[in-house]
Amino acid sequence: MTAAVVVLLILVLVAVIVIAGYLIVIALALSRVNQTLATVISAVTEIPGKTQPVPNVLDGIDRDLSKAAGLLEGLPQRAGGSTAASAEGRVGPGNVW
């Protein structure tokens, strides 16, 4: 083998090692991206399950507030206030302060 062939083989070997190194680094980066995407996907798929109970909770709060409004409705009259004051200050589904 001549010196030119030996130099060519060494250069080819170095090129293969460099390309293999780059491919290994790329594979490691893609592995990290894959792990991060798996974490994000699992978190995103949990969102509908965690937000679904909100209307049920709001319905319960609405029922409780309606009961409280019903209990407070006659309070000014019992306390000696006028009926006009109780009508103005009435809390209900259509009346907001």
C-alpha atoms as a PDB file:
ATOM      1  CA  MET A   1       0.000   0.000   0.000  1.00  0.00           C
ATOM      2  CA  THR A   2       1.249   3.363  -0.876  1.00  0.00           C
ATOM      3  CA  ALA A   3       1.314   6.322   1.455  1.00  0.00           C
ATOM      4  CA  ALA A   4      -1.568   7.964  -0.407  1.00  0.00           C
ATOM      5  CA  VAL A   5      -3.824   4.954   0.196  1.00  0.00           C
ATOM      6  CA  VAL A   6      -2.937   4.896   3.914  1.00  0.00           C
ATOM      7  CA  VAL A   7      -3.670   8.629   4.244  1.00  0.00           C
ATOM      8  CA  LEU A   8      -6.962   8.167   2.379  1.00  0.00           C
ATOM      9  CA  LEU A   9      -8.004   5.290   4.672  1.00  0.00           C
ATOM     10  CA  ILE A  10      -7.127   7.344   7.756  1.00  0.00           C
ATOM     11  CA  LEU A  11      -9.156  10.298   6.473  1.00  0.00           C
ATOM     12  CA  VAL A  12     -12.130   8.048   5.702  1.00  0.00           C
ATOM     13  CA  LEU A  13     -11.877   6.506   9.191  1.00  0.00           C
ATOM     14  CA  VAL A  14     -11.756   9.963  10.814  1.00  0.00           C
ATOM     15  CA  ALA A  15     -14.753  11.088   8.741  1.00  0.00           C
ATOM     16  CA  VAL A  16     -16.734   7.992   9.777  1.00  0.00           C
ATOM     17  CA  ILE A  17     -15.871   8.581  13.466  1.00  0.00           C
ATOM     18  CA  VAL A  18     -16.892  12.260  13.258  1.00  0.00           C
ATOM     19  CA  ILE A  19     -20.181  11.430  11.525  1.00  0.00           C
ATOM     20  CA  ALA A  20     -20.878   8.680  14.066  1.00  0.00           C
ATOM     21  CA  GLY A  21     -20.218  11.163  16.889  1.00  0.00           C
ATOM     22  CA  TYR A  22     -22.647  13.674  15.418  1.00  0.00           C
ATOM     23  CA  LEU A  23     -25.277  10.968  14.988  1.00  0.00           C
ATOM     24  CA  ILE A  24     -24.849   9.883  18.617  1.00  0.00           C
ATOM     25  CA  VAL A  25     -25.261  13.488  19.822  1.00  0.00           C
ATOM     26  CA  ILE A  26     -28.371  13.897  17.653  1.00  0.00           C
ATOM     27  CA  ALA A  27     -29.814  10.620  18.977  1.00  0.00           C
ATOM     28  CA  LEU A  28     -29.281  11.776  22.584  1.00  0.00           C
ATOM     29  CA  ALA A  29     -30.937  15.132  21.862  1.00  0.00           C
ATOM     30  CA  LEU A  30     -33.910  13.412  20.229  1.00  0.00           C
ATOM     31  CA  SER A  31     -34.199  11.096  23.220  1.00  0.00           C
ATOM     32  CA  ARG A  32     -34.423  14.108  25.558  1.00  0.00           C
ATOM     33  CA  VAL A  33     -37.017  15.717  23.279  1.00  0.00           C
ATOM     34  CA  ASN A  34     -39.018  12.490  23.286  1.00  0.00           C
ATOM     35  CA  GLN A  35     -38.999  12.351  27.094  1.00  0.00           C
ATOM     36  CA  THR A  36     -40.086  15.985  27.326  1.00  0.00           C
ATOM     37  CA  LEU A  37     -42.888  15.432  24.820  1.00  0.00           C
ATOM     38  CA  ALA A  38     -44.083  12.404  26.781  1.00  0.00           C
ATOM     39  CA  THR A  39     -44.262  14.550  29.915  1.00  0.00           C
ATOM     40  CA  VAL A  40     -46.137  17.322  28.115  1.00  0.00           C
ATOM     41  CA  ILE A  41     -48.565  14.916  26.448  1.00  0.00           C
ATOM     42  CA  SER A  42     -49.399  13.217  29.749  1.00  0.00           C
ATOM     43  CA  ALA A  43     -50.003  16.611  31.371  1.00  0.00           C
ATOM     44  CA  VAL A  44     -52.193  17.801  28.493  1.00  0.00           C
ATOM     45  CA  THR A  45     -54.304  14.636  28.490  1.00  0.00           C
ATOM     46  CA  GLU A  46     -55.061  15.199  32.197  1.00  0.00           C
ATOM     47  CA  ILE A  47     -56.531  18.670  31.584  1.00  0.00           C
ATOM     48  CA  PRO A  48     -60.053  17.569  30.496  1.00  0.00           C
ATOM     49  CA  GLY A  49     -60.401  15.293  33.500  1.00  0.00           C
ATOM     50  CA  LYS A  50     -59.344  18.014  35.894  1.00  0.00           C
ATOM     51  CA  THR A  51     -61.565  20.715  34.380  1.00  0.00           C
ATOM     52  CA  GLN A  52     -64.687  18.601  33.880  1.00  0.00           C
ATOM     53  CA  PRO A  53     -65.905  18.781  37.517  1.00  0.00           C
ATOM     54  CA  VAL A  54     -65.985  22.610  37.451  1.00  0.00           C
ATOM     55  CA  PRO A  55     -69.624  22.887  36.195  1.00  0.00           C
ATOM     56  CA  ASN A  56     -70.763  20.439  38.882  1.00  0.00           C
ATOM     57  CA  VAL A  57     -69.044  22.489  41.569  1.00  0.00           C
ATOM     58  CA  LEU A  58     -70.518  25.702  40.174  1.00  0.00           C
ATOM     59  CA  ASP A  59     -74.011  24.174  40.194  1.00  0.00           C
ATOM     60  CA  GLY A  60     -73.564  23.304  43.871  1.00  0.00           C
ATOM     61  CA  ILE A  61     -72.373  26.811  44.674  1.00  0.00           C
ATOM     62  CA  ASP A  62     -75.344  28.264  42.783  1.00  0.00           C
ATOM     63  CA  ARG A  63     -77.771  26.088  44.774  1.00  0.00           C
ATOM     64  CA  ASP A  64     -76.171  27.144  48.057  1.00  0.00           C
ATOM     65  CA  LEU A  65     -76.292  30.823  47.109  1.00  0.00           C
ATOM     66  CA  SER A  66     -79.941  30.513  46.084  1.00  0.00           C
ATOM     67  CA  LYS A  67     -80.766  28.988  49.476  1.00  0.00           C
ATOM     68  CA  ALA A  68     -78.867  31.780  51.220  1.00  0.00           C
ATOM     69  CA  ALA A  69     -80.704  34.412  49.161  1.00  0.00           C
ATOM     70  CA  GLY A  70     -84.005  32.820  50.124  1.00  0.00           C
ATOM     71  CA  LEU A  71     -83.080  32.911  53.802  1.00  0.00           C
ATOM     72  CA  LEU A  72     -81.950  36.535  53.601  1.00  0.00           C
ATOM     73  CA  GLU A  73     -84.994  37.719  51.658  1.00  0.00           C
ATOM     74  CA  GLY A  74     -87.174  38.611  54.654  1.00  0.00           C
ATOM     75  CA  LEU A  75     -84.343  39.687  56.939  1.00  0.00           C
ATOM     76  CA  PRO A  76     -84.858  43.497  56.663  1.00  0.00           C
ATOM     77  CA  GLN A  77     -88.549  43.108  57.550  1.00  0.00           C
ATOM     78  CA  ARG A  78     -87.709  40.984  60.580  1.00  0.00           C
ATOM     79  CA  ALA A  79     -85.097  43.535  61.629  1.00  0.00           C
ATOM     80  CA  GLY A  80     -87.623  46.381  61.433  1.00  0.00           C
ATOM     81  CA  GLY A  81     -86.625  47.815  58.051  1.00  0.00           C
ATOM     82  CA  SER A  82     -88.995  48.956  55.342  1.00  0.00           C
ATOM     83  CA  THR A  83     -90.190  46.741  52.516  1.00  0.00           C
ATOM     84  CA  ALA A  84     -88.786  49.185  49.949  1.00  0.00           C
ATOM     85  CA  ALA A  85     -85.288  48.635  51.273  1.00  0.00           C
ATOM     86  CA  SER A  86     -85.718  44.885  51.082  1.00  0.00           C
ATOM     87  CA  ALA A  87     -86.930  45.079  47.471  1.00  0.00           C
ATOM     88  CA  GLU A  88     -83.980  47.236  46.423  1.00  0.00           C
ATOM     89  CA  GLY A  89     -81.410  45.056  48.098  1.00  0.00           C
ATOM     90  CA  ARG A  90     -82.843  41.758  46.942  1.00  0.00           C
ATOM     91  CA  VAL A  91     -80.282  39.224  45.773  1.00  0.00           C
ATOM     92  CA  GLY A  92     -81.411  36.793  43.130  1.00  0.00           C
ATOM     93  CA  PRO A  93     -80.473  35.151  39.863  1.00  0.00           C
ATOM     94  CA  GLY A  94     -81.175  38.298  37.831  1.00  0.00           C
ATOM     95  CA  ASN A  95     -80.022  40.863  40.394  1.00  0.00           C
ATOM     96  CA  VAL A  96     -76.357  41.580  40.869  1.00  0.00           C
ATOM     97  CA  TRP A  97     -75.005  44.218  43.248  1.00  0.00           C
END
